[in-house]
N, C-alpha and C. Protein backbone atom coordinates (compact mmCIF):
# COMPACT_ATOMS: atom_id res chain seq x y z
N UNK A 1 109.72 69.80 147.39
CA UNK A 1 110.34 70.39 146.26
C UNK A 1 111.56 71.14 146.76
N UNK A 2 112.74 70.89 146.15
CA UNK A 2 113.88 71.54 146.61
C UNK A 2 114.03 73.03 146.32
N UNK A 3 114.71 73.82 147.00
CA UNK A 3 114.78 75.21 146.82
C UNK A 3 115.51 75.62 145.55
N UNK A 4 116.35 74.74 145.09
CA UNK A 4 117.09 75.13 143.90
C UNK A 4 116.33 74.85 142.55
N UNK A 5 115.12 74.34 142.58
CA UNK A 5 114.30 73.99 141.44
C UNK A 5 113.66 75.27 140.91
N UNK A 6 114.08 75.75 139.69
CA UNK A 6 113.52 76.96 139.17
C UNK A 6 112.10 76.91 138.61
N UNK A 7 111.61 75.72 138.45
CA UNK A 7 110.23 75.57 137.85
C UNK A 7 109.13 76.07 138.74
N UNK A 8 107.99 76.64 138.26
CA UNK A 8 107.00 77.10 139.11
C UNK A 8 106.35 76.01 139.87
N UNK A 9 105.78 76.16 141.05
CA UNK A 9 105.15 75.15 141.79
C UNK A 9 103.91 74.76 141.03
N UNK A 10 103.46 73.55 141.36
CA UNK A 10 102.26 73.08 140.76
C UNK A 10 101.07 73.83 141.15
N UNK A 11 99.98 73.78 140.29
CA UNK A 11 98.78 74.50 140.51
C UNK A 11 98.62 75.77 139.60
N UNK A 12 99.60 75.82 138.73
CA UNK A 12 99.37 76.97 137.71
C UNK A 12 99.78 78.37 138.15
N UNK A 13 100.43 78.55 139.27
CA UNK A 13 100.89 79.83 139.69
C UNK A 13 102.37 79.98 139.68
N UNK A 14 102.87 81.09 139.47
CA UNK A 14 104.30 81.34 139.45
C UNK A 14 104.69 81.61 140.97
N UNK A 15 106.00 82.02 141.13
CA UNK A 15 106.42 82.24 142.53
C UNK A 15 105.82 83.46 143.14
N UNK A 16 105.31 84.39 142.35
CA UNK A 16 104.74 85.58 142.97
C UNK A 16 103.26 85.30 143.33
N UNK A 17 102.72 84.15 142.94
CA UNK A 17 101.41 83.85 143.22
C UNK A 17 100.28 84.16 142.22
N UNK A 18 100.80 84.73 141.06
CA UNK A 18 99.89 85.06 139.94
C UNK A 18 99.70 83.81 139.14
N UNK A 19 98.48 83.63 138.62
CA UNK A 19 98.24 82.40 137.78
C UNK A 19 99.06 82.53 136.46
N UNK A 20 99.48 81.34 136.09
CA UNK A 20 100.37 81.30 134.85
C UNK A 20 99.50 81.41 133.69
N UNK A 21 99.94 82.09 132.59
CA UNK A 21 99.30 82.23 131.36
C UNK A 21 99.22 80.89 130.66
N UNK A 22 98.07 80.39 130.05
CA UNK A 22 98.04 79.25 129.31
C UNK A 22 98.98 79.27 128.14
N UNK A 23 99.73 78.12 127.94
CA UNK A 23 100.66 78.14 126.77
C UNK A 23 99.94 77.87 125.42
N UNK A 24 100.02 78.87 124.58
CA UNK A 24 99.37 78.77 123.30
C UNK A 24 100.49 78.59 122.26
N UNK A 25 100.28 77.59 121.42
CA UNK A 25 101.37 77.37 120.36
C UNK A 25 101.47 78.51 119.43
N UNK A 26 102.68 79.04 119.27
CA UNK A 26 102.99 80.09 118.30
C UNK A 26 103.51 79.50 117.02
N UNK A 27 102.98 80.02 115.84
CA UNK A 27 103.70 79.46 114.66
C UNK A 27 105.10 79.85 114.44
N UNK A 28 105.78 78.99 113.91
CA UNK A 28 107.22 79.32 113.72
C UNK A 28 107.46 80.10 112.49
N UNK A 29 107.63 81.39 112.75
CA UNK A 29 107.85 82.33 111.57
C UNK A 29 109.30 82.66 111.37
N UNK A 30 109.67 82.89 110.13
CA UNK A 30 111.10 83.22 109.99
C UNK A 30 111.22 84.69 110.50
N UNK A 31 112.47 85.10 110.85
CA UNK A 31 112.63 86.53 111.26
C UNK A 31 112.30 87.46 110.15
N UNK A 32 111.58 88.56 110.51
CA UNK A 32 111.14 89.58 109.52
C UNK A 32 112.31 90.45 109.14
N UNK A 33 112.55 90.63 107.76
CA UNK A 33 113.61 91.48 107.21
C UNK A 33 112.93 92.50 106.38
N UNK A 34 113.26 93.80 106.43
CA UNK A 34 112.72 94.86 105.62
C UNK A 34 113.13 94.54 104.14
N UNK A 35 112.27 94.92 103.13
CA UNK A 35 112.69 94.86 101.78
C UNK A 35 113.63 95.99 101.42
N UNK A 36 114.67 95.62 100.72
CA UNK A 36 115.73 96.65 100.30
C UNK A 36 115.16 97.35 99.09
N UNK A 37 115.81 98.42 98.80
CA UNK A 37 115.53 99.28 97.65
C UNK A 37 115.71 98.43 96.29
N UNK A 38 116.81 97.64 96.31
CA UNK A 38 117.11 96.78 95.17
C UNK A 38 116.00 95.78 94.88
N UNK A 39 115.52 95.22 96.03
CA UNK A 39 114.41 94.18 95.85
C UNK A 39 113.11 94.80 95.35
N UNK A 40 112.85 96.08 95.92
CA UNK A 40 111.62 96.77 95.39
C UNK A 40 111.78 97.06 93.97
N UNK A 41 112.99 97.50 93.45
CA UNK A 41 113.06 97.85 92.05
C UNK A 41 112.94 96.54 91.21
N UNK A 42 113.45 95.47 91.66
CA UNK A 42 113.31 94.17 90.94
C UNK A 42 111.76 93.78 90.91
N UNK A 43 111.08 93.94 91.97
CA UNK A 43 109.67 93.62 92.01
C UNK A 43 108.92 94.63 91.03
N UNK A 44 109.14 95.88 90.99
CA UNK A 44 108.60 96.87 90.18
C UNK A 44 108.88 96.45 88.66
N UNK A 45 110.08 96.14 88.37
CA UNK A 45 110.48 95.73 86.99
C UNK A 45 109.75 94.36 86.61
N UNK A 46 109.75 93.54 87.46
CA UNK A 46 109.00 92.29 87.16
C UNK A 46 107.49 92.46 86.94
N UNK A 47 106.95 93.39 87.77
CA UNK A 47 105.47 93.73 87.51
C UNK A 47 105.29 94.37 86.19
N UNK A 48 106.13 95.30 85.81
CA UNK A 48 105.94 96.01 84.48
C UNK A 48 106.25 95.01 83.30
N UNK A 49 107.21 94.13 83.41
CA UNK A 49 107.41 93.15 82.44
C UNK A 49 106.19 92.16 82.32
N UNK A 50 105.67 91.82 83.39
CA UNK A 50 104.55 90.86 83.30
C UNK A 50 103.35 91.50 82.71
N UNK A 51 103.08 92.82 83.07
CA UNK A 51 101.98 93.53 82.42
C UNK A 51 102.19 93.66 80.95
N UNK A 52 103.40 94.04 80.56
CA UNK A 52 103.71 94.13 79.07
C UNK A 52 103.53 92.92 78.40
N UNK A 53 104.03 91.80 78.89
CA UNK A 53 103.91 90.45 78.23
C UNK A 53 102.42 90.09 78.10
N UNK A 54 101.65 90.33 79.10
CA UNK A 54 100.22 89.82 79.06
C UNK A 54 99.49 90.75 78.13
N UNK A 55 99.78 92.03 78.01
CA UNK A 55 99.10 92.88 77.16
C UNK A 55 99.48 92.52 75.67
N UNK A 56 100.75 92.14 75.45
CA UNK A 56 101.14 91.74 74.04
C UNK A 56 100.39 90.35 73.74
N UNK A 57 100.43 89.45 74.59
CA UNK A 57 99.80 88.08 74.28
C UNK A 57 98.39 88.25 74.13
N UNK A 58 97.64 89.02 74.93
CA UNK A 58 96.29 89.15 74.82
C UNK A 58 95.74 90.00 73.66
N UNK A 59 96.62 90.98 73.19
CA UNK A 59 96.21 91.86 72.14
C UNK A 59 96.61 91.26 70.75
N UNK A 60 97.42 90.32 70.68
CA UNK A 60 97.91 89.71 69.41
C UNK A 60 96.83 89.21 68.52
N UNK A 61 95.82 88.43 69.09
CA UNK A 61 94.71 87.97 68.16
C UNK A 61 93.92 89.19 67.69
N UNK A 62 93.61 90.15 68.49
CA UNK A 62 92.93 91.34 67.97
C UNK A 62 93.71 92.06 66.86
N UNK A 63 95.08 92.15 67.04
CA UNK A 63 95.82 92.82 65.91
C UNK A 63 95.73 92.18 64.70
N UNK A 64 95.69 90.72 64.71
CA UNK A 64 95.55 90.00 63.45
C UNK A 64 94.26 90.25 62.78
N UNK A 65 93.16 90.28 63.68
CA UNK A 65 91.82 90.51 63.09
C UNK A 65 91.76 91.90 62.43
N UNK A 66 92.30 92.93 63.14
CA UNK A 66 92.22 94.25 62.50
C UNK A 66 93.06 94.26 61.19
N UNK A 67 94.14 93.64 61.12
CA UNK A 67 95.00 93.60 59.90
C UNK A 67 94.17 92.94 58.76
N UNK A 68 93.60 91.79 59.04
CA UNK A 68 92.78 91.15 58.02
C UNK A 68 91.62 91.91 57.55
N UNK A 69 90.98 92.68 58.44
CA UNK A 69 89.89 93.56 58.06
C UNK A 69 90.34 94.66 57.25
N UNK A 70 91.50 95.30 57.61
CA UNK A 70 92.07 96.35 56.77
C UNK A 70 92.52 95.79 55.43
N UNK A 71 93.01 94.66 55.32
CA UNK A 71 93.37 94.16 53.94
C UNK A 71 92.16 93.91 53.11
N UNK A 72 91.01 93.40 53.72
CA UNK A 72 89.80 93.20 53.00
C UNK A 72 89.27 94.44 52.41
N UNK A 73 89.29 95.47 53.30
CA UNK A 73 88.81 96.85 52.94
C UNK A 73 89.70 97.44 51.86
N UNK A 74 90.94 97.27 51.92
CA UNK A 74 91.85 97.89 50.85
C UNK A 74 91.49 97.11 49.57
N UNK A 75 91.27 95.85 49.57
CA UNK A 75 91.06 95.07 48.31
C UNK A 75 89.69 95.60 47.81
N UNK A 76 88.68 95.87 48.64
CA UNK A 76 87.42 96.30 48.15
C UNK A 76 87.50 97.69 47.57
N UNK A 77 88.44 98.46 48.02
CA UNK A 77 88.61 99.86 47.43
C UNK A 77 89.35 99.89 46.12
N UNK A 78 89.85 98.77 45.63
CA UNK A 78 90.62 98.75 44.39
C UNK A 78 89.71 98.66 43.22
N UNK A 79 88.41 98.42 43.34
CA UNK A 79 87.55 98.21 42.32
C UNK A 79 87.16 99.60 41.63
N UNK A 80 86.23 99.53 40.62
CA UNK A 80 85.81 100.71 39.99
C UNK A 80 85.11 101.72 41.00
N UNK A 81 85.21 102.99 40.76
CA UNK A 81 84.65 104.01 41.63
C UNK A 81 83.10 103.81 41.94
N UNK A 82 82.46 103.34 40.91
CA UNK A 82 80.97 103.16 41.06
C UNK A 82 80.56 101.98 42.05
N UNK A 83 81.47 101.05 42.10
CA UNK A 83 81.20 99.88 42.98
C UNK A 83 81.96 99.86 44.32
N UNK A 84 82.70 100.88 44.63
CA UNK A 84 83.50 101.02 45.80
C UNK A 84 82.54 101.26 46.95
N UNK A 85 82.91 100.80 48.15
CA UNK A 85 82.11 101.18 49.42
C UNK A 85 82.23 102.68 49.60
N UNK A 86 81.26 103.24 50.38
CA UNK A 86 81.16 104.68 50.47
C UNK A 86 82.39 105.21 51.32
N UNK A 87 83.03 104.42 52.12
CA UNK A 87 84.09 105.05 52.88
C UNK A 87 85.46 104.88 52.18
N UNK A 88 85.49 104.56 50.95
CA UNK A 88 86.80 104.52 50.20
C UNK A 88 87.02 105.86 49.48
N UNK A 89 88.33 106.24 49.27
CA UNK A 89 88.56 107.48 48.54
C UNK A 89 88.13 107.37 47.06
N UNK A 90 87.52 108.40 46.62
CA UNK A 90 87.02 108.41 45.24
C UNK A 90 85.79 107.75 44.99
N UNK A 91 85.11 107.20 45.97
CA UNK A 91 83.87 106.50 45.78
C UNK A 91 82.62 107.50 45.71
N UNK A 92 81.53 107.10 45.15
CA UNK A 92 80.43 107.96 45.11
C UNK A 92 79.68 107.91 46.50
N UNK A 93 79.38 109.05 46.96
CA UNK A 93 78.74 109.19 48.31
C UNK A 93 77.23 109.16 48.22
N UNK A 94 76.53 108.54 48.96
CA UNK A 94 75.14 108.54 48.87
C UNK A 94 74.53 109.84 49.38
N UNK A 95 73.54 110.41 48.73
CA UNK A 95 73.03 111.78 48.98
C UNK A 95 71.56 111.54 49.39
N UNK A 96 71.13 112.15 50.47
CA UNK A 96 69.78 112.09 50.88
C UNK A 96 69.17 113.40 50.45
N UNK A 97 68.07 113.38 49.72
CA UNK A 97 67.23 114.50 49.27
C UNK A 97 66.04 114.52 50.01
N UNK A 98 65.86 115.64 50.70
CA UNK A 98 64.62 115.81 51.52
C UNK A 98 63.47 116.32 50.62
N UNK A 99 62.31 115.96 50.88
CA UNK A 99 61.16 116.48 50.07
C UNK A 99 61.01 117.90 50.37
N UNK A 100 60.39 118.66 49.38
CA UNK A 100 60.20 120.07 49.56
C UNK A 100 59.19 120.31 50.70
N UNK A 101 59.28 121.40 51.35
CA UNK A 101 58.45 121.76 52.37
C UNK A 101 56.99 122.18 51.84
N UNK A 102 55.95 121.87 52.45
CA UNK A 102 54.65 122.27 51.84
C UNK A 102 54.51 123.70 51.96
N UNK A 103 53.86 124.32 51.00
CA UNK A 103 53.66 125.76 50.89
C UNK A 103 52.64 126.15 52.04
N UNK A 104 52.97 127.24 52.65
CA UNK A 104 52.15 127.73 53.80
C UNK A 104 50.93 128.46 53.21
N UNK A 105 49.74 128.21 53.78
CA UNK A 105 48.50 128.86 53.27
C UNK A 105 48.28 130.17 54.10
N UNK A 106 47.71 131.16 53.31
CA UNK A 106 47.39 132.48 53.97
C UNK A 106 45.94 132.56 54.27
C-alpha cells in the first residue's frame, strides 16, 4: 500500500489503530428549517377555518330538525285553547289534586 493512499488499511481499523464504526445507512432528510411566525399564523388560521367548516357542516342537519320541530309546535299552538299542548301560551295547564290527609286519631 502506497504512503499517499488516505484510505484506512484493511482489517476495519483506522490509522490510529481503533476499530472503524460500522457504516449504517442514514435516511436522506431535507435540512431542517424553523417555522416562521407567518407560517404559524397561517397554520392557526387554517385550523380555525377547518374547525368552523366542520362544525357548520355537521350541525346543519340538526338545525333543520330543530326548525321543523319548532314549526310543528307553532302549528299545534294555533288551535283552540282547550286542545293546545300544555307548553303553549294560553293553554290549560293540568292540575294535580292531592287527596286530603287522613284525620289524626286521639
